């Protein structure tokens, strides 16, 4: 079981997803999976995502275009973690992001959506 699931809806942004995934490989806390949901893009990022499979627990899904909210929900349904974290494709995440998130959760500071089991 993963602690966190990073859900990333994406539409026609392969260059951005590469930078985001590179930033996730540098995390000091590693108990997370990454769910990429390509929302009907004509410029797909699957090949870029596949280059990160040895560095991250990442899965890629392609679906017909339905909008960012529906793509997030699609990702939540496939996520493995106890908590969801949603990033837009143009984010670059600091290396200690999940480490700090762990501290905040230990202090009972809400910041994520909890998925009860």
PDB file of N, CA and C in Angstrom:
ATOM      1  N   UNK A   1       0.839  -1.188   0.000  1.00  0.00           N
ATOM      2  CA  UNK A   1       0.000   0.000   0.000  1.00  0.00           C
ATOM      3  C   UNK A   1       0.881   1.249   0.000  1.00  0.00           C
ATOM      4  N   UNK A   2       0.502   2.176  -0.793  1.00  0.00           N
ATOM      5  CA  UNK A   2       1.217   3.452  -0.844  1.00  0.00           C
ATOM      6  C   UNK A   2       0.564   4.450   0.105  1.00  0.00           C
ATOM      7  N   UNK A   3       1.371   5.314   0.636  1.00  0.00           N
ATOM      8  CA  UNK A   3       0.875   6.361   1.532  1.00  0.00           C
ATOM      9  C   UNK A   3       0.139   7.435   0.736  1.00  0.00           C
ATOM     10  N   UNK A   4       0.745   7.854  -0.392  1.00  0.00           N
ATOM     11  CA  UNK A   4       0.175   8.915  -1.217  1.00  0.00           C
ATOM     12  C   UNK A   4       0.020   8.446  -2.653  1.00  0.00           C
ATOM     13  N   UNK A   5      -0.990   8.982  -3.314  1.00  0.00           N
ATOM     14  CA  UNK A   5      -1.137   8.821  -4.756  1.00  0.00           C
ATOM     15  C   UNK A   5      -1.166  10.211  -5.372  1.00  0.00           C
ATOM     16  N   UNK A   6      -0.233  10.452  -6.265  1.00  0.00           N
ATOM     17  CA  UNK A   6      -0.175  11.715  -7.000  1.00  0.00           C
ATOM     18  C   UNK A   6      -1.006  11.526  -8.262  1.00  0.00           C
ATOM     19  N   UNK A   7      -2.050  12.304  -8.412  1.00  0.00           N
ATOM     20  CA  UNK A   7      -2.915  12.233  -9.580  1.00  0.00           C
ATOM     21  C   UNK A   7      -2.645  13.462 -10.435  1.00  0.00           C
ATOM     22  N   UNK A   8      -2.322  13.210 -11.702  1.00  0.00           N
ATOM     23  CA  UNK A   8      -1.964  14.302 -12.610  1.00  0.00           C
ATOM     24  C   UNK A   8      -2.814  14.192 -13.877  1.00  0.00           C
ATOM     25  N   UNK A   9      -3.846  15.049 -13.996  1.00  0.00           N
ATOM     26  CA  UNK A   9      -4.561  15.111 -15.265  1.00  0.00           C
ATOM     27  C   UNK A   9      -3.719  15.935 -16.241  1.00  0.00           C
ATOM     28  N   UNK A  10      -3.701  15.522 -17.498  1.00  0.00           N
ATOM     29  CA  UNK A  10      -2.857  16.227 -18.460  1.00  0.00           C
ATOM     30  C   UNK A  10      -3.545  16.281 -19.823  1.00  0.00           C
ATOM     31  N   UNK A  11      -3.317  17.394 -20.509  1.00  0.00           N
ATOM     32  CA  UNK A  11      -3.871  17.583 -21.851  1.00  0.00           C
ATOM     33  C   UNK A  11      -2.843  18.327 -22.701  1.00  0.00           C
ATOM     34  N   UNK A  12      -2.253  17.626 -23.666  1.00  0.00           N
ATOM     35  CA  UNK A  12      -1.325  18.213 -24.648  1.00  0.00           C
ATOM     36  C   UNK A  12      -0.138  18.948 -24.019  1.00  0.00           C
ATOM     37  N   UNK A  13       0.485  18.364 -23.013  1.00  0.00           N
ATOM     38  CA  UNK A  13       1.614  19.000 -22.326  1.00  0.00           C
ATOM     39  C   UNK A  13       2.755  18.019 -22.052  1.00  0.00           C
ATOM     40  N   UNK A  14       3.291  17.342 -23.053  1.00  0.00           N
ATOM     41  CA  UNK A  14       4.348  16.352 -22.772  1.00  0.00           C
ATOM     42  C   UNK A  14       5.613  16.951 -22.178  1.00  0.00           C
ATOM     43  N   UNK A  15       5.987  18.161 -22.561  1.00  0.00           N
ATOM     44  CA  UNK A  15       7.198  18.760 -22.000  1.00  0.00           C
ATOM     45  C   UNK A  15       7.031  19.076 -20.523  1.00  0.00           C
ATOM     46  N   UNK A  16       5.857  19.546 -20.152  1.00  0.00           N
ATOM     47  CA  UNK A  16       5.614  19.861 -18.748  1.00  0.00           C
ATOM     48  C   UNK A  16       5.649  18.613 -17.877  1.00  0.00           C
ATOM     49  N   UNK A  17       5.056  17.527 -18.356  1.00  0.00           N
ATOM     50  CA  UNK A  17       5.017  16.311 -17.532  1.00  0.00           C
ATOM     51  C   UNK A  17       6.423  15.774 -17.288  1.00  0.00           C
ATOM     52  N   UNK A  18       7.297  15.948 -18.236  1.00  0.00           N
ATOM     53  CA  UNK A  18       8.675  15.486 -18.051  1.00  0.00           C
ATOM     54  C   UNK A  18       9.328  16.223 -16.887  1.00  0.00           C
ATOM     55  N   UNK A  19       9.172  17.533 -16.834  1.00  0.00           N
ATOM     56  CA  UNK A  19       9.765  18.315 -15.737  1.00  0.00           C
ATOM     57  C   UNK A  19       9.146  17.937 -14.391  1.00  0.00           C
ATOM     58  N   UNK A  20       7.837  17.741 -14.381  1.00  0.00           N
ATOM     59  CA  UNK A  20       7.171  17.348 -13.136  1.00  0.00           C
ATOM     60  C   UNK A  20       7.663  15.986 -12.660  1.00  0.00           C
ATOM     61  N   UNK A  21       7.721  15.015 -13.550  1.00  0.00           N
ATOM     62  CA  UNK A  21       8.181  13.682 -13.158  1.00  0.00           C
ATOM     63  C   UNK A  21       9.641  13.706 -12.714  1.00  0.00           C
ATOM     64  N   UNK A  22      10.466  14.503 -13.371  1.00  0.00           N
ATOM     65  CA  UNK A  22      11.859  14.643 -12.922  1.00  0.00           C
ATOM     66  C   UNK A  22      11.911  15.157 -11.496  1.00  0.00           C
ATOM     67  N   UNK A  23      11.066  16.130 -11.167  1.00  0.00           N
ATOM     68  CA  UNK A  23      11.061  16.658  -9.798  1.00  0.00           C
ATOM     69  C   UNK A  23      10.593  15.598  -8.806  1.00  0.00           C
ATOM     70  N   UNK A  24       9.681  14.723  -9.210  1.00  0.00           N
ATOM     71  CA  UNK A  24       9.217  13.665  -8.306  1.00  0.00           C
ATOM     72  C   UNK A  24      10.286  12.600  -8.064  1.00  0.00           C
ATOM     73  N   UNK A  25      11.192  12.402  -9.009  1.00  0.00           N
ATOM     74  CA  UNK A  25      12.276  11.425  -8.795  1.00  0.00           C
ATOM     75  C   UNK A  25      13.244  11.896  -7.722  1.00  0.00           C
ATOM     76  N   UNK A  26      13.221  13.156  -7.389  1.00  0.00           N
ATOM     77  CA  UNK A  26      14.160  13.730  -6.415  1.00  0.00           C
ATOM     78  C   UNK A  26      13.575  13.839  -5.007  1.00  0.00           C
ATOM     79  N   UNK A  27      12.417  13.252  -4.784  1.00  0.00           N
ATOM     80  CA  UNK A  27      11.772  13.345  -3.474  1.00  0.00           C
ATOM     81  C   UNK A  27      12.566  12.596  -2.406  1.00  0.00           C
ATOM     82  N   UNK A  28      12.666  13.195  -1.230  1.00  0.00           N
ATOM     83  CA  UNK A  28      13.354  12.555  -0.112  1.00  0.00           C
ATOM     84  C   UNK A  28      12.468  11.503   0.551  1.00  0.00           C
ATOM     85  N   UNK A  29      11.172  11.605   0.404  1.00  0.00           N
ATOM     86  CA  UNK A  29      10.194  10.634   0.902  1.00  0.00           C
ATOM     87  C   UNK A  29       9.605   9.942  -0.322  1.00  0.00           C
ATOM     88  N   UNK A  30       9.653   8.604  -0.368  1.00  0.00           N
ATOM     89  CA  UNK A  30       9.352   7.899  -1.611  1.00  0.00           C
ATOM     90  C   UNK A  30       8.097   7.019  -1.583  1.00  0.00           C
ATOM     91  N   UNK A  31       7.319   7.056  -0.530  1.00  0.00           N
ATOM     92  CA  UNK A  31       6.163   6.168  -0.440  1.00  0.00           C
ATOM     93  C   UNK A  31       4.948   6.776  -1.153  1.00  0.00           C
ATOM     94  N   UNK A  32       5.039   6.856  -2.485  1.00  0.00           N
ATOM     95  CA  UNK A  32       3.944   7.387  -3.288  1.00  0.00           C
ATOM     96  C   UNK A  32       3.945   6.730  -4.665  1.00  0.00           C
ATOM     97  N   UNK A  33       2.779   6.710  -5.269  1.00  0.00           N
ATOM     98  CA  UNK A  33       2.660   6.305  -6.661  1.00  0.00           C
ATOM     99  C   UNK A  33       2.163   7.508  -7.462  1.00  0.00           C
ATOM    100  N   UNK A  34       2.305   7.429  -8.763  1.00  0.00           N
ATOM    101  CA  UNK A  34       1.916   8.529  -9.648  1.00  0.00           C
ATOM    102  C   UNK A  34       0.934   7.981 -10.675  1.00  0.00           C
ATOM    103  N   UNK A  35      -0.203   8.651 -10.808  1.00  0.00           N
ATOM    104  CA  UNK A  35      -1.228   8.261 -11.770  1.00  0.00           C
ATOM    105  C   UNK A  35      -1.381   9.398 -12.773  1.00  0.00           C
ATOM    106  N   UNK A  36      -0.984   9.137 -14.005  1.00  0.00           N
ATOM    107  CA  UNK A  36      -1.107  10.120 -15.086  1.00  0.00           C
ATOM    108  C   UNK A  36      -2.379   9.801 -15.858  1.00  0.00           C
ATOM    109  N   UNK A  37      -3.251  10.797 -16.009  1.00  0.00           N
ATOM    110  CA  UNK A  37      -4.483  10.615 -16.779  1.00  0.00           C
ATOM    111  C   UNK A  37      -4.459  11.590 -17.947  1.00  0.00           C
ATOM    112  N   UNK A  38      -4.219  11.041 -19.120  1.00  0.00           N
ATOM    113  CA  UNK A  38      -4.190  11.847 -20.349  1.00  0.00           C
ATOM    114  C   UNK A  38      -5.630  11.998 -20.839  1.00  0.00           C
ATOM    115  N   UNK A  39      -6.073  13.234 -20.903  1.00  0.00           N
ATOM    116  CA  UNK A  39      -7.479  13.556 -21.155  1.00  0.00           C
ATOM    117  C   UNK A  39      -7.729  13.854 -22.636  1.00  0.00           C
ATOM    118  N   UNK A  40      -7.557  12.835 -23.477  1.00  0.00           N
ATOM    119  CA  UNK A  40      -7.873  12.987 -24.896  1.00  0.00           C
ATOM    120  C   UNK A  40      -6.894  13.835 -25.681  1.00  0.00           C
ATOM    121  N   UNK A  41      -5.662  13.921 -25.245  1.00  0.00           N
ATOM    122  CA  UNK A  41      -4.658  14.759 -25.917  1.00  0.00           C
ATOM    123  C   UNK A  41      -4.380  14.285 -27.336  1.00  0.00           C
ATOM    124  N   UNK A  42      -4.077  15.241 -28.200  1.00  0.00           N
ATOM    125  CA  UNK A  42      -3.589  14.892 -29.537  1.00  0.00           C
ATOM    126  C   UNK A  42      -2.060  14.790 -29.527  1.00  0.00           C
ATOM    127  N   UNK A  43      -1.424  15.383 -28.528  1.00  0.00           N
ATOM    128  CA  UNK A  43       0.028  15.281 -28.329  1.00  0.00           C
ATOM    129  C   UNK A  43       0.223  14.479 -27.042  1.00  0.00           C
ATOM    130  N   UNK A  44       0.398  13.184 -27.178  1.00  0.00           N
ATOM    131  CA  UNK A  44       0.426  12.287 -26.021  1.00  0.00           C
ATOM    132  C   UNK A  44       1.780  12.312 -25.310  1.00  0.00           C
ATOM    133  N   UNK A  45       1.736  11.963 -24.026  1.00  0.00           N
ATOM    134  CA  UNK A  45       2.945  11.947 -23.207  1.00  0.00           C
ATOM    135  C   UNK A  45       3.334  10.540 -22.764  1.00  0.00           C
ATOM    136  N   UNK A  46       2.693   9.524 -23.282  1.00  0.00           N
ATOM    137  CA  UNK A  46       2.934   8.155 -22.825  1.00  0.00           C
ATOM    138  C   UNK A  46       4.395   7.745 -22.942  1.00  0.00           C
ATOM    139  N   UNK A  47       5.060   8.077 -24.036  1.00  0.00           N
ATOM    140  CA  UNK A  47       6.471   7.706 -24.196  1.00  0.00           C
ATOM    141  C   UNK A  47       7.341   8.358 -23.130  1.00  0.00           C
ATOM    142  N   UNK A  48       7.057   9.599 -22.799  1.00  0.00           N
ATOM    143  CA  UNK A  48       7.817  10.296 -21.759  1.00  0.00           C
ATOM    144  C   UNK A  48       7.561   9.637 -20.398  1.00  0.00           C
ATOM    145  N   UNK A  49       6.312   9.354 -20.099  1.00  0.00           N
ATOM    146  CA  UNK A  49       5.968   8.703 -18.827  1.00  0.00           C
ATOM    147  C   UNK A  49       6.694   7.360 -18.707  1.00  0.00           C
ATOM    148  N   UNK A  50       6.727   6.609 -19.791  1.00  0.00           N
ATOM    149  CA  UNK A  50       7.372   5.290 -19.754  1.00  0.00           C
ATOM    150  C   UNK A  50       8.862   5.367 -19.431  1.00  0.00           C
ATOM    151  N   UNK A  51       9.518   6.470 -19.745  1.00  0.00           N
ATOM    152  CA  UNK A  51      10.948   6.605 -19.415  1.00  0.00           C
ATOM    153  C   UNK A  51      11.184   6.726 -17.917  1.00  0.00           C
ATOM    154  N   UNK A  52      10.135   6.980 -17.137  1.00  0.00           N
ATOM    155  CA  UNK A  52      10.258   7.140 -15.688  1.00  0.00           C
ATOM    156  C   UNK A  52       9.832   5.886 -14.914  1.00  0.00           C
ATOM    157  N   UNK A  53       9.438   4.841 -15.597  1.00  0.00           N
ATOM    158  CA  UNK A  53       8.921   3.641 -14.919  1.00  0.00           C
ATOM    159  C   UNK A  53       9.947   2.948 -14.037  1.00  0.00           C
ATOM    160  N   UNK A  54      11.230   3.110 -14.322  1.00  0.00           N
ATOM    161  CA  UNK A  54      12.249   2.497 -13.464  1.00  0.00           C
ATOM    162  C   UNK A  54      12.575   3.378 -12.255  1.00  0.00           C
ATOM    163  N   UNK A  55      12.148   4.626 -12.287  1.00  0.00           N
ATOM    164  CA  UNK A  55      12.457   5.560 -11.205  1.00  0.00           C
ATOM    165  C   UNK A  55      11.265   5.863 -10.304  1.00  0.00           C
ATOM    166  N   UNK A  56      10.060   5.664 -10.825  1.00  0.00           N
ATOM    167  CA  UNK A  56       8.843   5.978 -10.090  1.00  0.00           C
ATOM    168  C   UNK A  56       7.828   4.848 -10.250  1.00  0.00           C
ATOM    169  N   UNK A  57       6.948   4.724  -9.284  1.00  0.00           N
ATOM    170  CA  UNK A  57       5.797   3.836  -9.406  1.00  0.00           C
ATOM    171  C   UNK A  57       4.729   4.649 -10.150  1.00  0.00           C
ATOM    172  N   UNK A  58       4.788   4.605 -11.479  1.00  0.00           N
ATOM    173  CA  UNK A  58       3.931   5.462 -12.295  1.00  0.00           C
ATOM    174  C   UNK A  58       3.074   4.618 -13.233  1.00  0.00           C
ATOM    175  N   UNK A  59       1.809   5.006 -13.332  1.00  0.00           N
ATOM    176  CA  UNK A  59       0.902   4.378 -14.294  1.00  0.00           C
ATOM    177  C   UNK A  59       0.335   5.467 -15.192  1.00  0.00           C
ATOM    178  N   UNK A  60       0.049   5.070 -16.427  1.00  0.00           N
ATOM    179  CA  UNK A  60      -0.438   6.003 -17.446  1.00  0.00           C
ATOM    180  C   UNK A  60      -1.774   5.489 -17.969  1.00  0.00           C
ATOM    181  N   UNK A  61      -2.731   6.404 -18.079  1.00  0.00           N
ATOM    182  CA  UNK A  61      -4.036   6.087 -18.645  1.00  0.00           C
ATOM    183  C   UNK A  61      -4.391   7.141 -19.680  1.00  0.00           C
ATOM    184  N   UNK A  62      -4.954   6.679 -20.786  1.00  0.00           N
ATOM    185  CA  UNK A  62      -5.471   7.588 -21.807  1.00  0.00           C
ATOM    186  C   UNK A  62      -6.977   7.386 -21.867  1.00  0.00           C
ATOM    187  N   UNK A  63      -7.710   8.488 -21.870  1.00  0.00           N
ATOM    188  CA  UNK A  63      -9.162   8.416 -21.992  1.00  0.00           C
ATOM    189  C   UNK A  63      -9.649   9.544 -22.888  1.00  0.00           C
ATOM    190  N   UNK A  64     -10.876   9.420 -23.332  1.00  0.00           N
ATOM    191  CA  UNK A  64     -11.456  10.477 -24.151  1.00  0.00           C
ATOM    192  C   UNK A  64     -11.557  11.755 -23.336  1.00  0.00           C
ATOM    193  N   UNK A  65     -11.474  12.876 -24.024  1.00  0.00           N
ATOM    194  CA  UNK A  65     -11.512  14.181 -23.378  1.00  0.00           C
ATOM    195  C   UNK A  65     -12.848  14.395 -22.674  1.00  0.00           C
ATOM    196  N   UNK A  66     -12.760  14.713 -21.384  1.00  0.00           N
ATOM    197  CA  UNK A  66     -13.966  14.989 -20.606  1.00  0.00           C
ATOM    198  C   UNK A  66     -13.757  16.147 -19.637  1.00  0.00           C
ATOM    199  N   UNK A  67     -12.547  16.686 -19.584  1.00  0.00           N
ATOM    200  CA  UNK A  67     -12.268  17.790 -18.678  1.00  0.00           C
ATOM    201  C   UNK A  67     -11.447  17.366 -17.478  1.00  0.00           C
ATOM    202  N   UNK A  68     -10.835  18.360 -16.852  1.00  0.00           N
ATOM    203  CA  UNK A  68      -9.889  18.110 -15.765  1.00  0.00           C
ATOM    204  C   UNK A  68     -10.536  17.430 -14.552  1.00  0.00           C
ATOM    205  N   UNK A  69     -11.720  17.848 -14.168  1.00  0.00           N
ATOM    206  CA  UNK A  69     -12.377  17.261 -12.996  1.00  0.00           C
ATOM    207  C   UNK A  69     -12.674  15.780 -13.178  1.00  0.00           C
ATOM    208  N   UNK A  70     -13.213  15.420 -14.334  1.00  0.00           N
ATOM    209  CA  UNK A  70     -13.497  14.014 -14.594  1.00  0.00           C
ATOM    210  C   UNK A  70     -12.208  13.199 -14.685  1.00  0.00           C
ATOM    211  N   UNK A  71     -11.156  13.818 -15.201  1.00  0.00           N
ATOM    212  CA  UNK A  71      -9.870  13.118 -15.277  1.00  0.00           C
ATOM    213  C   UNK A  71      -9.286  12.884 -13.895  1.00  0.00           C
ATOM    214  N   UNK A  72      -9.445  13.839 -13.003  1.00  0.00           N
ATOM    215  CA  UNK A  72      -9.011  13.634 -11.615  1.00  0.00           C
ATOM    216  C   UNK A  72      -9.762  12.458 -10.994  1.00  0.00           C
ATOM    217  N   UNK A  73     -11.077  12.455 -11.156  1.00  0.00           N
ATOM    218  CA  UNK A  73     -11.885  11.370 -10.592  1.00  0.00           C
ATOM    219  C   UNK A  73     -11.464  10.025 -11.163  1.00  0.00           C
ATOM    220  N   UNK A  74     -11.179   9.976 -12.434  1.00  0.00           N
ATOM    221  CA  UNK A  74     -10.697   8.759 -13.090  1.00  0.00           C
ATOM    222  C   UNK A  74      -9.399   8.293 -12.424  1.00  0.00           C
ATOM    223  N   UNK A  75      -8.514   9.243 -12.138  1.00  0.00           N
ATOM    224  CA  UNK A  75      -7.264   8.929 -11.459  1.00  0.00           C
ATOM    225  C   UNK A  75      -7.473   8.446 -10.036  1.00  0.00           C
ATOM    226  N   UNK A  76      -8.393   9.085  -9.295  1.00  0.00           N
ATOM    227  CA  UNK A  76      -8.680   8.660  -7.920  1.00  0.00           C
ATOM    228  C   UNK A  76      -9.124   7.200  -7.887  1.00  0.00           C
ATOM    229  N   UNK A  77      -9.939   6.817  -8.865  1.00  0.00           N
ATOM    230  CA  UNK A  77     -10.456   5.447  -8.899  1.00  0.00           C
ATOM    231  C   UNK A  77      -9.334   4.418  -9.097  1.00  0.00           C
ATOM    232  N   UNK A  78      -8.211   4.839  -9.645  1.00  0.00           N
ATOM    233  CA  UNK A  78      -7.113   3.929  -9.949  1.00  0.00           C
ATOM    234  C   UNK A  78      -5.926   4.085  -8.998  1.00  0.00           C
ATOM    235  N   UNK A  79      -6.023   5.023  -8.096  1.00  0.00           N
ATOM    236  CA  UNK A  79      -4.931   5.323  -7.168  1.00  0.00           C
ATOM    237  C   UNK A  79      -4.784   4.230  -6.118  1.00  0.00           C
ATOM    238  N   UNK A  80      -3.558   4.064  -5.607  1.00  0.00           N
ATOM    239  CA  UNK A  80      -3.249   3.033  -4.616  1.00  0.00           C
ATOM    240  C   UNK A  80      -3.077   3.590  -3.204  1.00  0.00           C
ATOM    241  N   UNK A  81      -2.901   4.887  -3.069  1.00  0.00           N
ATOM    242  CA  UNK A  81      -2.526   5.472  -1.793  1.00  0.00           C
ATOM    243  C   UNK A  81      -3.669   5.753  -0.847  1.00  0.00           C
ATOM    244  N   UNK A  82      -3.300   6.049   0.381  1.00  0.00           N
ATOM    245  CA  UNK A  82      -4.264   6.448   1.401  1.00  0.00           C
ATOM    246  C   UNK A  82      -4.697   7.901   1.234  1.00  0.00           C
ATOM    247  N   UNK A  83      -3.821   8.714   0.674  1.00  0.00           N
ATOM    248  CA  UNK A  83      -4.089  10.133   0.459  1.00  0.00           C
ATOM    249  C   UNK A  83      -3.874  10.467  -1.007  1.00  0.00           C
ATOM    250  N   UNK A  84      -4.697  11.367  -1.534  1.00  0.00           N
ATOM    251  CA  UNK A  84      -4.520  11.868  -2.897  1.00  0.00           C
ATOM    252  C   UNK A  84      -3.822  13.218  -2.857  1.00  0.00           C
ATOM    253  N   UNK A  85      -2.916  13.403  -3.776  1.00  0.00           N
ATOM    254  CA  UNK A  85      -2.278  14.696  -3.988  1.00  0.00           C
ATOM    255  C   UNK A  85      -2.416  14.983  -5.478  1.00  0.00           C
ATOM    256  N   UNK A  86      -2.980  16.129  -5.823  1.00  0.00           N
ATOM    257  CA  UNK A  86      -3.196  16.468  -7.228  1.00  0.00           C
ATOM    258  C   UNK A  86      -2.224  17.568  -7.625  1.00  0.00           C
ATOM    259  N   UNK A  87      -1.506  17.326  -8.718  1.00  0.00           N
ATOM    260  CA  UNK A  87      -0.628  18.341  -9.285  1.00  0.00           C
ATOM    261  C   UNK A  87      -1.058  18.618 -10.712  1.00  0.00           C
ATOM    262  N   UNK A  88      -0.982  19.873 -11.119  1.00  0.00           N
ATOM    263  CA  UNK A  88      -1.121  20.215 -12.528  1.00  0.00           C
ATOM    264  C   UNK A  88       0.185  19.871 -13.219  1.00  0.00           C
ATOM    265  N   UNK A  89       0.126  19.687 -14.516  1.00  0.00           N
ATOM    266  CA  UNK A  89       1.308  19.231 -15.257  1.00  0.00           C
ATOM    267  C   UNK A  89       2.441  20.252 -15.265  1.00  0.00           C
ATOM    268  N   UNK A  90       2.149  21.518 -14.990  1.00  0.00           N
ATOM    269  CA  UNK A  90       3.201  22.537 -15.025  1.00  0.00           C
ATOM    270  C   UNK A  90       3.868  22.762 -13.664  1.00  0.00           C
ATOM    271  N   UNK A  91       3.588  21.912 -12.697  1.00  0.00           N
ATOM    272  CA  UNK A  91       4.209  22.030 -11.375  1.00  0.00           C
ATOM    273  C   UNK A  91       5.603  21.402 -11.365  1.00  0.00           C
ATOM    274  N   UNK A  92       6.469  21.974 -10.565  1.00  0.00           N
ATOM    275  CA  UNK A  92       7.764  21.376 -10.241  1.00  0.00           C
ATOM    276  C   UNK A  92       7.802  21.315  -8.718  1.00  0.00           C
ATOM    277  N   UNK A  93       7.987  20.117  -8.196  1.00  0.00           N
ATOM    278  CA  UNK A  93       7.803  19.874  -6.770  1.00  0.00           C
ATOM    279  C   UNK A  93       9.149  19.907  -6.046  1.00  0.00           C
ATOM    280  N   UNK A  94       9.244  20.667  -4.952  1.00  0.00           N
ATOM    281  CA  UNK A  94      10.485  20.698  -4.179  1.00  0.00           C
ATOM    282  C   UNK A  94      10.817  19.301  -3.635  1.00  0.00           C
ATOM    283  N   UNK A  95      12.102  18.973  -3.510  1.00  0.00           N
ATOM    284  CA  UNK A  95      12.515  17.627  -3.100  1.00  0.00           C
ATOM    285  C   UNK A  95      11.979  17.165  -1.754  1.00  0.00           C
ATOM    286  N   UNK A  96      11.650  18.071  -0.864  1.00  0.00           N
ATOM    287  CA  UNK A  96      11.184  17.689   0.466  1.00  0.00           C
ATOM    288  C   UNK A  96       9.661  17.804   0.611  1.00  0.00           C
ATOM    289  N   UNK A  97       8.941  17.898  -0.485  1.00  0.00           N
ATOM    290  CA  UNK A  97       7.488  18.104  -0.438  1.00  0.00           C
ATOM    291  C   UNK A  97       6.779  17.048   0.414  1.00  0.00           C
ATOM    292  N   UNK A  98       6.995  15.763   0.107  1.00  0.00           N
ATOM    293  CA  UNK A  98       6.288  14.702   0.835  1.00  0.00           C
ATOM    294  C   UNK A  98       6.799  14.551   2.260  1.00  0.00           C
ATOM    295  N   UNK A  99       8.045  14.846   2.478  1.00  0.00           N
ATOM    296  CA  UNK A  99       8.592  14.840   3.833  1.00  0.00           C
ATOM    297  C   UNK A  99       7.871  15.883   4.690  1.00  0.00           C
ATOM    298  N   UNK A 100       7.678  17.065   4.140  1.00  0.00           N
ATOM    299  CA  UNK A 100       6.965  18.129   4.856  1.00  0.00           C
ATOM    300  C   UNK A 100       5.486  17.783   5.021  1.00  0.00           C
ATOM    301  N   UNK A 101       4.917  17.148   4.029  1.00  0.00           N
ATOM    302  CA  UNK A 101       3.522  16.730   4.121  1.00  0.00           C
ATOM    303  C   UNK A 101       3.345  15.714   5.247  1.00  0.00           C
ATOM    304  N   UNK A 102       4.280  14.796   5.373  1.00  0.00           N
ATOM    305  CA  UNK A 102       4.250  13.823   6.470  1.00  0.00           C
ATOM    306  C   UNK A 102       4.275  14.537   7.825  1.00  0.00           C
ATOM    307  N   UNK A 103       5.136  15.522   7.954  1.00  0.00           N
ATOM    308  CA  UNK A 103       5.208  16.276   9.213  1.00  0.00           C
ATOM    309  C   UNK A 103       3.877  16.962   9.502  1.00  0.00           C
ATOM    310  N   UNK A 104       3.283  17.570   8.476  1.00  0.00           N
ATOM    311  CA  UNK A 104       2.007  18.265   8.662  1.00  0.00           C
ATOM    312  C   UNK A 104       0.910  17.293   9.073  1.00  0.00           C
ATOM    313  N   UNK A 105       0.888  16.120   8.477  1.00  0.00           N
ATOM    314  CA  UNK A 105      -0.125  15.127   8.851  1.00  0.00           C
ATOM    315  C   UNK A 105       0.103  14.615  10.265  1.00  0.00           C
ATOM    316  N   UNK A 106       1.360  14.473  10.663  1.00  0.00           N
ATOM    317  CA  UNK A 106       1.667  14.078  12.037  1.00  0.00           C
ATOM    318  C   UNK A 106       1.169  15.108  13.032  1.00  0.00           C
ATOM    319  N   UNK A 107       1.166  16.369  12.611  1.00  0.00           N
ATOM    320  CA  UNK A 107       0.691  17.460  13.465  1.00  0.00           C
ATOM    321  C   UNK A 107      -0.806  17.698  13.291  1.00  0.00           C
ATOM    322  N   UNK A 108      -1.462  16.835  12.514  1.00  0.00           N
ATOM    323  CA  UNK A 108      -2.905  16.908  12.274  1.00  0.00           C
ATOM    324  C   UNK A 108      -3.320  18.155  11.492  1.00  0.00           C
ATOM    325  N   UNK A 109      -2.461  18.621  10.615  1.00  0.00           N
ATOM    326  CA  UNK A 109      -2.792  19.748   9.754  1.00  0.00           C
ATOM    327  C   UNK A 109      -3.323  19.174   8.442  1.00  0.00           C
ATOM    328  N   UNK A 110      -4.614  19.358   8.147  1.00  0.00           N
ATOM    329  CA  UNK A 110      -5.159  18.757   6.920  1.00  0.00           C
ATOM    330  C   UNK A 110      -4.591  19.426   5.677  1.00  0.00           C
ATOM    331  N   UNK A 111      -4.416  18.656   4.628  1.00  0.00           N
ATOM    332  CA  UNK A 111      -3.919  19.207   3.388  1.00  0.00           C
ATOM    333  C   UNK A 111      -4.204  18.314   2.200  1.00  0.00           C
ATOM    334  N   UNK A 112      -4.840  17.195   2.447  1.00  0.00           N
ATOM    335  CA  UNK A 112      -5.109  16.228   1.382  1.00  0.00           C
ATOM    336  C   UNK A 112      -6.500  15.658   1.569  1.00  0.00           C
ATOM    337  N   UNK A 113      -6.901  14.898   0.598  1.00  0.00           N
ATOM    338  CA  UNK A 113      -8.151  14.166   0.691  1.00  0.00           C
ATOM    339  C   UNK A 113      -7.817  12.768   1.173  1.00  0.00           C
ATOM    340  N   UNK A 114      -8.457  12.327   2.225  1.00  0.00           N
ATOM    341  CA  UNK A 114      -8.201  10.997   2.766  1.00  0.00           C
ATOM    342  C   UNK A 114      -9.164  10.022   2.132  1.00  0.00           C
ATOM    343  N   UNK A 115      -8.660   8.884   1.748  1.00  0.00           N
ATOM    344  CA  UNK A 115      -9.505   7.842   1.190  1.00  0.00           C
ATOM    345  C   UNK A 115      -9.585   6.717   2.208  1.00  0.00           C
ATOM    346  N   UNK A 116     -10.725   6.593   2.911  1.00  0.00           N
ATOM    347  CA  UNK A 116     -10.830   5.527   3.910  1.00  0.00           C
ATOM    348  C   UNK A 116     -10.828   4.158   3.259  1.00  0.00           C
ATOM    349  N   UNK A 117     -10.268   3.208   3.938  1.00  0.00           N
ATOM    350  CA  UNK A 117     -10.222   1.819   3.453  1.00  0.00           C
ATOM    351  C   UNK A 117     -11.283   1.006   4.161  1.00  0.00           C
TER     352      UNK A 117
END
